[in-house]
Amino acid sequence: MKFYLSIPTALMGLCLSFLATGEAHAASFTFTKIADTNGSFSSFFDAPAINNQGTVAFSAFLDAGGKGIFTGNGTTTTSIANTNSLFGGPPDRPTVGYPLAELGSFSINDVGNVAFEAILESSGSTGIFTSQGDFTLIEFSFTSFDSPSINNSGTVVFLEETSRFSGQTRITTSNSNSIASTYSCFPSFCPPAAAGDFERLSAPIINDAGTVAFQARVYKSDGFVPLPGGPDDDLTSSGIFTGNGTRDDGEIITNTIADSNGAFNSFSDSSINNSGTVAFSAVLDTGRSGVFTGNGTTTTTIADSSGAFNSFFSTPSINDFGTVAFLAGLDAGGSGIFTGNNPIKDKVIVTGDALFGSTVQELSFYREGLNNSGQVAFFASLANGTGGIFRADPIVVEPPKDVPEPASVLGLLAVGTFGATSVMKRKQK
């Protein structure tokens, strides 16, 4: 009789197991090694960038000396530029090109075109280059260029800084579209700044629609005449802004995504997806910090320090589906890369995790580190003394087929219980 009484219990357990399939579980990833210090690289600088094909751009110091910018997919590695050879020379004319003394920040688009900053060995001038050679800009008239970002049409946005006379900084694109510029003050004439004038601009990033996101400081009120060394922070506020070069009566129009006139106090640089949603890290007036998204109308909290996280490093990355990846410190110790506020369910990788036969000790991640497939590119230093560039590849699990809906399961449970009870009664007669 006990055997027959256990049937409803078994059916109930089966039912509950079906119902439990909707519970959240930790995301799962496999990991691909793009490059590490066991090969021709001695160390890496700057966090990597990834495009929607899974190709990763990274920069590294070479065992042979010098440094370079490369791309890799886990199978092949391609040199984009390095300080040991001329850049831009055709294969049949190897002595033609630019000798590079230093390499800086970089960006990659979906066709694998890499935009990067470099210093010329011959003159010490800075330049912005692309690996396909369709855009080359060299310093002139005390002007330098840095922080490039390239979109899928090949348009490059960058900072243009003038070190003489006005000391002005501008955000400009390779098609000569001016996105924003700082207040200009010449030694012989220093007009009062107006509320909303930019006092400082930071690294821009561009999407496929040509919309550029950037972090900046702006003057709070009219009439202030800046003194050498810049204004007091009390006279300016900070914020995240977007623009595409649109003008109104000659004035460049920008949109405010978030600023320090409300709950925010300070901001990281930003990333932007193709729908115009911007992701950024920020510190709040309350002292808490977090990762947020905004579109100029609404602001959404992705994760903050009210829970398991205690700090947020560098700039987060947002893809076209609105997923945001970020590097954060944990209350429990260590740090990791996550895609949400749950450090278990939303974990990509954390310090202490096993990776290629060793253990992760340190991680680095930046604003082009996430693509539309959910792949994440990052740098990791390992306990065995090596370091490398890696790609996290999400494991896509197909949902179970022909699983009964919860209501159907409950119906089966009722039928099964009735049948088992009937059998039990017959056996008792």
Protein backbone atom coordinates (compact mmCIF):
# COMPACT_ATOMS: atom_id res chain seq x y z
CA MET A 1 0.00 0.00 0.00
CA LYS A 2 2.85 2.39 0.67
CA PHE A 3 3.99 1.85 -2.89
CA TYR A 4 0.70 3.13 -4.28
CA LEU A 5 0.55 6.06 -1.86
CA SER A 6 3.93 7.27 -3.16
CA ILE A 7 2.62 7.80 -6.69
CA PRO A 8 0.89 11.14 -5.96
CA THR A 9 4.00 12.26 -4.14
CA ALA A 10 6.15 11.38 -7.12
CA LEU A 11 3.78 13.20 -9.44
CA MET A 12 3.86 16.23 -7.17
CA GLY A 13 7.68 16.19 -7.25
CA LEU A 14 7.60 15.90 -11.04
CA CYS A 15 5.20 18.83 -11.22
CA LEU A 16 7.36 20.97 -8.97
CA SER A 17 10.43 20.12 -11.02
CA PHE A 18 8.64 21.37 -14.15
CA LEU A 19 7.58 24.55 -12.38
CA ALA A 20 11.12 25.15 -11.15
CA THR A 21 12.51 25.32 -14.67
CA GLY A 22 11.79 29.06 -14.73
CA GLU A 23 14.18 29.83 -11.85
CA ALA A 24 17.24 32.01 -12.58
CA HIS A 25 20.58 30.29 -12.95
CA ALA A 26 24.08 31.64 -13.46
CA ALA A 27 24.96 32.46 -17.04
CA SER A 28 27.47 30.04 -18.57
CA PHE A 29 30.39 30.89 -20.81
CA THR A 30 33.19 29.14 -22.58
CA PHE A 31 36.42 31.07 -22.91
CA THR A 32 38.63 31.65 -25.94
CA LYS A 33 42.24 32.71 -25.64
CA ILE A 34 42.98 35.50 -28.12
CA ALA A 35 46.62 36.14 -27.11
CA ASP A 36 48.80 35.72 -24.05
CA THR A 37 52.35 36.21 -22.78
CA ASN A 38 53.36 32.65 -23.63
CA GLY A 39 53.79 33.74 -27.24
CA SER A 40 55.45 36.77 -28.80
CA PHE A 41 53.82 39.28 -26.45
CA SER A 42 55.47 40.36 -23.20
CA SER A 43 52.53 42.31 -21.75
CA PHE A 44 49.33 44.11 -22.72
CA PHE A 45 48.18 47.70 -22.34
CA ASP A 46 44.67 49.10 -22.66
CA ALA A 47 41.54 46.93 -22.45
CA PRO A 48 40.50 45.13 -25.66
CA ALA A 49 37.61 45.94 -28.02
CA ILE A 50 35.35 43.44 -29.81
CA ASN A 51 33.15 43.69 -32.90
CA ASN A 52 29.99 41.77 -33.78
CA GLN A 53 31.97 39.11 -35.64
CA GLY A 54 33.83 38.23 -32.45
CA THR A 55 37.12 39.73 -33.66
CA VAL A 56 39.05 41.33 -30.79
CA ALA A 57 41.39 44.32 -31.12
CA PHE A 58 44.12 44.68 -28.52
CA SER A 59 47.45 46.39 -27.89
CA ALA A 60 50.58 44.71 -26.58
CA PHE A 61 54.30 45.04 -25.90
CA LEU A 62 56.41 42.64 -27.95
CA ASP A 63 59.12 40.26 -26.77
CA ALA A 64 61.24 41.61 -29.60
CA GLY A 65 60.81 45.16 -28.32
CA GLY A 66 58.36 47.88 -29.25
CA LYS A 67 54.60 47.64 -29.17
CA GLY A 68 51.72 47.09 -31.54
CA ILE A 69 47.98 46.97 -32.12
CA PHE A 70 46.58 43.63 -33.26
CA THR A 71 43.36 41.80 -33.97
CA GLY A 72 42.58 38.16 -33.24
CA ASN A 73 39.73 35.68 -33.17
CA GLY A 74 41.31 32.81 -31.24
CA THR A 75 42.69 31.18 -34.37
CA THR A 76 44.63 33.87 -36.22
CA THR A 77 46.32 37.10 -35.14
CA THR A 78 46.83 40.09 -37.45
CA SER A 79 49.17 43.01 -36.91
CA ILE A 80 47.47 46.35 -37.52
CA ALA A 81 50.38 48.64 -36.65
CA ASN A 82 53.58 48.40 -34.62
CA THR A 83 56.53 50.56 -33.72
CA ASN A 84 59.03 48.21 -35.40
CA SER A 85 57.87 48.88 -38.95
CA LEU A 86 56.42 51.65 -41.09
CA PHE A 87 52.66 52.01 -41.14
CA GLY A 88 50.74 52.57 -44.35
CA GLY A 89 53.37 51.54 -46.86
CA PRO A 90 52.22 49.34 -49.77
CA PRO A 91 53.73 45.82 -49.83
CA ASP A 92 55.83 46.59 -52.92
CA ARG A 93 57.22 49.80 -51.34
CA PRO A 94 58.12 48.91 -47.74
CA THR A 95 60.12 52.10 -47.19
CA VAL A 96 57.03 54.26 -47.73
CA GLY A 97 54.85 54.95 -44.70
CA TYR A 98 54.84 56.42 -41.23
CA PRO A 99 57.42 55.40 -38.60
CA LEU A 100 55.50 55.15 -35.32
CA ALA A 101 57.08 55.94 -31.95
CA GLU A 102 54.04 55.34 -29.74
CA LEU A 103 50.56 53.85 -29.97
CA GLY A 104 47.47 54.87 -28.03
CA SER A 105 43.76 54.14 -27.83
CA PHE A 106 41.90 52.24 -30.58
CA SER A 107 38.45 51.18 -31.81
CA ILE A 108 37.19 48.43 -34.16
CA ASN A 109 34.10 48.17 -36.39
CA ASP A 110 32.28 45.15 -37.81
CA VAL A 111 34.36 44.90 -41.00
CA GLY A 112 37.51 44.79 -38.87
CA ASN A 113 38.65 48.34 -39.63
CA VAL A 114 40.64 49.62 -36.64
CA ALA A 115 41.02 53.32 -35.86
CA PHE A 116 43.92 54.18 -33.59
CA GLU A 117 46.03 56.98 -32.18
CA ALA A 118 49.78 57.09 -32.78
CA ILE A 119 52.79 59.36 -32.35
CA LEU A 120 55.12 59.76 -35.33
CA GLU A 121 58.76 58.96 -34.65
CA SER A 122 60.10 61.54 -37.10
CA SER A 123 58.29 64.60 -35.75
CA GLY A 124 56.67 63.69 -32.44
CA SER A 125 53.34 64.68 -33.95
CA THR A 126 50.19 62.73 -33.14
CA GLY A 127 47.86 61.24 -35.71
CA ILE A 128 44.66 59.27 -36.09
CA PHE A 129 44.86 56.38 -38.56
CA THR A 130 42.66 53.51 -39.74
CA SER A 131 43.90 50.08 -40.71
CA GLN A 132 42.22 50.32 -44.13
CA GLY A 133 43.98 53.57 -44.84
CA ASP A 134 40.82 55.54 -45.58
CA PHE A 135 41.42 58.15 -42.91
CA THR A 136 44.71 59.64 -41.80
CA LEU A 137 44.98 62.82 -39.76
CA ILE A 138 48.31 64.23 -38.59
CA GLU A 139 48.90 66.97 -36.03
CA PHE A 140 49.28 70.47 -37.37
CA SER A 141 49.49 74.00 -35.87
CA PHE A 142 49.94 72.86 -32.27
CA THR A 143 46.94 70.56 -32.50
CA SER A 144 46.88 66.95 -31.31
CA PHE A 145 44.34 64.18 -31.76
CA ASP A 146 43.32 61.26 -29.57
CA SER A 147 40.52 58.94 -28.38
CA PRO A 148 39.22 57.68 -31.76
CA SER A 149 35.99 55.71 -32.17
CA ILE A 150 34.89 54.21 -35.51
CA ASN A 151 31.42 53.13 -36.66
CA ASN A 152 30.37 50.66 -39.36
CA SER A 153 30.29 53.29 -42.11
CA GLY A 154 33.94 54.06 -41.35
CA THR A 155 33.28 57.46 -39.76
CA VAL A 156 35.81 58.22 -37.02
CA VAL A 157 35.13 60.59 -34.12
CA PHE A 158 38.01 61.91 -32.02
CA LEU A 159 39.20 64.64 -29.67
CA GLU A 160 41.06 67.53 -31.25
CA GLU A 161 43.08 69.59 -28.77
CA THR A 162 44.80 72.88 -29.47
CA SER A 163 47.70 73.62 -27.15
CA ARG A 164 48.33 77.21 -28.24
CA PHE A 165 46.33 80.46 -28.01
CA SER A 166 42.75 79.42 -27.20
CA GLY A 167 43.56 76.00 -25.70
CA GLN A 168 40.31 74.73 -27.19
CA THR A 169 39.19 71.11 -27.32
CA ARG A 170 36.74 69.89 -29.94
CA ILE A 171 34.96 66.64 -30.73
CA THR A 172 35.16 66.20 -34.50
CA THR A 173 34.46 63.47 -37.02
CA SER A 174 36.49 62.36 -40.03
CA ASN A 175 33.84 63.88 -42.32
CA SER A 176 34.49 67.29 -40.69
CA ASN A 177 31.35 67.30 -38.58
CA SER A 178 31.83 69.30 -35.39
CA ILE A 179 29.97 67.67 -32.47
CA ALA A 180 31.01 69.88 -29.52
CA SER A 181 33.73 72.32 -28.51
CA THR A 182 34.91 73.93 -25.30
CA TYR A 183 34.66 77.61 -24.47
CA SER A 184 37.38 79.54 -26.30
CA CYS A 185 39.40 82.21 -24.52
CA PHE A 186 42.26 84.03 -26.25
CA PRO A 187 44.88 85.89 -24.17
CA SER A 188 43.93 89.22 -25.70
CA PHE A 189 40.17 88.67 -25.48
CA CYS A 190 38.38 86.52 -22.93
CA PRO A 191 34.59 86.93 -23.24
CA PRO A 192 32.35 85.74 -20.42
CA ALA A 193 31.26 82.13 -20.58
CA ALA A 194 27.57 81.34 -20.97
CA ALA A 195 25.57 78.74 -19.08
CA GLY A 196 25.84 75.46 -20.96
CA ASP A 197 29.21 76.22 -22.55
CA PHE A 198 31.52 73.23 -22.32
CA GLU A 199 34.55 73.71 -20.09
CA ARG A 200 36.00 70.21 -20.62
CA LEU A 201 35.34 67.31 -23.02
CA SER A 202 36.18 63.64 -22.68
CA ALA A 203 36.62 60.62 -24.98
CA PRO A 204 33.74 60.41 -27.53
CA ILE A 205 32.11 57.28 -28.98
CA ILE A 206 29.99 57.08 -32.15
CA ASN A 207 27.16 54.76 -33.24
CA ASP A 208 26.10 53.79 -36.76
CA ALA A 209 23.58 56.65 -36.95
CA GLY A 210 26.40 59.14 -36.38
CA THR A 211 25.26 60.03 -32.85
CA VAL A 212 28.20 60.72 -30.55
CA ALA A 213 28.15 60.26 -26.77
CA PHE A 214 30.66 61.93 -24.47
CA GLN A 215 31.28 63.06 -20.90
CA ALA A 216 31.88 66.76 -20.24
CA ARG A 217 31.88 69.62 -17.75
CA VAL A 218 29.74 72.70 -18.45
CA TYR A 219 29.43 76.19 -16.98
CA LYS A 220 26.44 76.57 -14.66
CA SER A 221 25.73 80.26 -15.21
CA ASP A 222 26.40 83.24 -17.48
CA GLY A 223 29.02 85.89 -17.06
CA PHE A 224 31.98 84.04 -15.59
CA VAL A 225 35.36 84.95 -17.04
CA PRO A 226 37.72 81.97 -16.61
CA LEU A 227 41.12 82.51 -15.05
CA PRO A 228 44.31 80.65 -15.99
CA GLY A 229 44.21 77.11 -14.67
CA GLY A 230 40.49 76.70 -15.28
CA PRO A 231 37.39 77.47 -13.20
CA ASP A 232 36.54 76.21 -9.76
CA ASP A 233 34.44 73.03 -9.85
CA ASP A 234 31.68 74.93 -8.03
CA LEU A 235 31.19 76.96 -11.21
CA THR A 236 30.72 73.93 -13.44
CA SER A 237 28.65 70.76 -13.47
CA SER A 238 29.39 67.44 -15.12
CA GLY A 239 27.26 65.26 -17.33
CA ILE A 240 26.79 62.77 -20.15
CA PHE A 241 25.76 64.25 -23.50
CA THR A 242 25.02 63.22 -27.09
CA GLY A 243 25.12 65.11 -30.38
CA ASN A 244 25.29 64.59 -34.12
CA GLY A 245 26.38 68.04 -35.28
CA THR A 246 22.85 69.43 -35.75
CA ARG A 247 22.78 73.23 -35.51
CA ASP A 248 20.17 75.80 -34.60
CA ASP A 249 20.97 79.36 -35.71
CA GLY A 250 24.61 78.34 -35.97
CA GLU A 251 24.76 76.82 -32.49
CA ILE A 252 25.62 73.14 -32.19
CA ILE A 253 22.80 71.24 -30.45
CA THR A 254 23.60 68.62 -27.84
CA ASN A 255 21.29 66.52 -25.67
CA THR A 256 21.74 65.91 -21.96
CA ILE A 257 21.52 62.25 -20.93
CA ALA A 258 22.32 62.85 -17.24
CA ASP A 259 24.06 65.57 -15.23
CA SER A 260 25.19 66.48 -11.74
CA ASN A 261 22.38 68.98 -11.23
CA GLY A 262 20.23 66.10 -9.94
CA ALA A 263 21.06 62.89 -8.09
CA PHE A 264 24.39 62.30 -9.84
CA ASN A 265 27.71 63.72 -8.72
CA SER A 266 30.34 62.53 -11.22
CA PHE A 267 30.57 60.32 -14.30
CA SER A 268 32.79 57.93 -16.22
CA ASP A 269 33.16 58.04 -19.98
CA SER A 270 30.21 56.59 -21.89
CA SER A 271 29.25 53.95 -24.45
CA ILE A 272 26.30 54.09 -26.86
CA ASN A 273 24.31 51.56 -28.90
CA ASN A 274 22.61 51.99 -32.26
CA SER A 275 19.25 52.97 -30.73
CA GLY A 276 20.96 55.88 -28.97
CA THR A 277 20.86 54.46 -25.44
CA VAL A 278 23.93 55.48 -23.46
CA ALA A 279 25.61 53.48 -20.67
CA PHE A 280 27.84 55.05 -18.03
CA SER A 281 29.13 54.65 -14.48
CA ALA A 282 28.42 57.38 -11.96
CA VAL A 283 28.78 58.37 -8.32
CA LEU A 284 25.62 59.67 -6.66
CA ASP A 285 25.24 62.57 -4.23
CA THR A 286 24.46 59.96 -1.57
CA GLY A 287 27.93 58.46 -1.98
CA ARG A 288 26.64 55.33 -3.68
CA SER A 289 27.83 54.42 -7.14
CA GLY A 290 26.40 52.43 -10.00
CA VAL A 291 26.03 51.64 -13.66
CA PHE A 292 23.19 53.34 -15.50
CA THR A 293 21.65 53.76 -18.94
CA GLY A 294 19.81 56.78 -20.31
CA ASN A 295 18.28 58.12 -23.50
CA GLY A 296 17.64 61.74 -22.52
CA THR A 297 14.15 60.96 -21.22
CA THR A 298 14.55 58.14 -18.73
CA THR A 299 17.45 56.80 -16.68
CA THR A 300 17.67 53.15 -15.65
CA THR A 301 19.83 51.62 -12.93
CA ILE A 302 21.62 48.48 -14.13
CA ALA A 303 23.52 47.83 -10.88
CA ASP A 304 24.54 49.85 -7.84
CA SER A 305 26.47 49.65 -4.60
CA SER A 306 23.40 49.09 -2.44
CA GLY A 307 23.81 45.33 -2.87
CA ALA A 308 26.74 43.00 -3.49
CA PHE A 309 28.86 45.55 -5.39
CA ASN A 310 30.97 48.23 -3.74
CA SER A 311 32.61 49.99 -6.69
CA PHE A 312 32.47 50.26 -10.46
CA PHE A 313 35.63 50.51 -12.50
CA SER A 314 36.10 52.13 -15.92
CA THR A 315 33.37 52.53 -18.53
CA PRO A 316 30.61 49.95 -19.12
CA SER A 317 29.70 48.61 -22.57
CA ILE A 318 26.17 48.41 -24.03
CA ASN A 319 25.02 46.35 -27.01
CA ASP A 320 22.06 46.85 -29.35
CA PHE A 321 19.81 44.65 -27.21
CA GLY A 322 20.34 46.90 -24.20
CA THR A 323 22.58 44.44 -22.34
CA VAL A 324 25.25 46.23 -20.32
CA ALA A 325 28.54 44.64 -19.25
CA PHE A 326 30.70 46.26 -16.57
CA LEU A 327 33.64 45.69 -14.24
CA ALA A 328 32.81 45.97 -10.53
CA GLY A 329 34.29 45.35 -7.10
CA LEU A 330 32.49 43.01 -4.70
CA ASP A 331 31.65 43.45 -1.02
CA ALA A 332 32.88 39.89 -0.51
CA GLY A 333 36.25 40.82 -2.01
CA GLY A 334 37.72 40.69 -5.47
CA SER A 335 36.17 41.99 -8.66
CA GLY A 336 34.49 40.73 -11.77
CA ILE A 337 32.72 41.43 -15.04
CA PHE A 338 28.92 41.27 -14.86
CA THR A 339 25.84 42.01 -16.98
CA GLY A 340 23.40 42.86 -14.19
CA ASN A 341 22.84 43.40 -10.49
CA ASN A 342 22.95 39.72 -9.47
CA PRO A 343 26.61 38.71 -8.94
CA ILE A 344 25.74 35.02 -9.44
CA LYS A 345 23.18 35.02 -12.25
CA ASP A 346 24.85 37.89 -14.12
CA LYS A 347 28.49 36.84 -13.71
CA VAL A 348 30.78 36.60 -16.71
CA ILE A 349 34.03 36.03 -14.81
CA VAL A 350 35.45 37.04 -11.41
CA THR A 351 38.84 37.03 -9.76
CA GLY A 352 39.52 33.60 -8.30
CA ASP A 353 37.88 31.80 -11.22
CA ALA A 354 39.82 29.13 -13.08
CA LEU A 355 40.98 30.14 -16.54
CA PHE A 356 43.23 28.15 -18.89
CA GLY A 357 44.93 26.11 -16.18
CA SER A 358 45.42 28.94 -13.70
CA THR A 359 43.41 31.40 -11.59
CA VAL A 360 42.30 34.93 -12.44
CA GLN A 361 43.99 37.59 -10.31
CA GLU A 362 43.10 40.82 -12.09
CA LEU A 363 40.67 41.92 -14.82
CA SER A 364 40.43 44.85 -17.21
CA PHE A 365 37.40 45.81 -19.33
CA TYR A 366 36.31 48.86 -21.33
CA ARG A 367 33.48 50.36 -23.32
CA GLU A 368 33.83 48.29 -26.53
CA GLY A 369 34.09 45.02 -24.64
CA LEU A 370 30.59 43.61 -25.36
CA ASN A 371 29.02 42.69 -28.71
CA ASN A 372 25.50 41.83 -29.90
CA SER A 373 26.12 38.09 -29.47
CA GLY A 374 26.84 38.62 -25.78
CA GLN A 375 30.56 37.91 -26.23
CA VAL A 376 32.81 39.77 -23.82
CA ALA A 377 36.45 40.71 -24.46
CA PHE A 378 38.70 41.35 -21.48
CA PHE A 379 42.26 41.28 -20.16
CA ALA A 380 43.16 38.94 -17.30
CA SER A 381 46.34 38.44 -15.33
CA LEU A 382 46.70 34.91 -13.95
CA ALA A 383 48.26 33.41 -10.83
CA ASN A 384 50.85 31.51 -12.91
CA GLY A 385 52.44 34.82 -13.91
CA THR A 386 50.95 35.03 -17.39
CA GLY A 387 48.49 37.54 -18.73
CA GLY A 388 46.32 37.60 -21.79
CA ILE A 389 43.42 38.81 -23.86
CA PHE A 390 40.39 36.52 -23.67
CA ARG A 391 36.87 36.30 -25.06
CA ALA A 392 33.90 34.97 -23.07
CA ASP A 393 31.45 33.17 -25.35
CA PRO A 394 27.94 32.62 -23.94
CA ILE A 395 26.59 29.09 -24.02
CA VAL A 396 23.18 29.18 -25.68
CA VAL A 397 20.92 26.53 -24.19
CA GLU A 398 17.87 25.57 -26.25
CA PRO A 399 14.64 25.51 -24.21
CA PRO A 400 13.24 22.02 -23.60
CA LYS A 401 10.78 20.84 -26.26
CA ASP A 402 7.16 19.82 -25.55
CA VAL A 403 7.33 20.65 -21.85
CA PRO A 404 3.74 20.87 -20.52
CA GLU A 405 2.53 24.27 -19.45
CA PRO A 406 2.14 24.68 -15.66
CA ALA A 407 -1.67 24.42 -15.95
CA SER A 408 -1.34 21.19 -17.93
CA VAL A 409 1.07 19.78 -15.39
CA LEU A 410 -1.37 20.55 -12.60
CA GLY A 411 -4.10 18.82 -14.64
CA LEU A 412 -1.90 15.75 -15.03
CA LEU A 413 -1.22 15.85 -11.32
CA ALA A 414 -4.95 15.87 -10.57
CA VAL A 415 -5.62 12.99 -12.96
CA GLY A 416 -2.65 11.03 -11.66
CA THR A 417 -3.68 11.55 -8.05
CA PHE A 418 -7.25 10.46 -8.80
CA GLY A 419 -6.00 7.36 -10.61
CA ALA A 420 -3.59 6.40 -7.86
CA THR A 421 -6.31 6.86 -5.23
CA SER A 422 -8.66 4.61 -7.18
CA VAL A 423 -6.04 1.90 -7.40
CA MET A 424 -5.34 2.16 -3.71
CA LYS A 425 -9.04 1.80 -2.88
CA ARG A 426 -9.36 -1.25 -5.07
CA LYS A 427 -6.41 -2.86 -3.39
CA GLN A 428 -7.94 -2.20 0.01
CA LYS A 429 -11.14 -4.11 -0.80
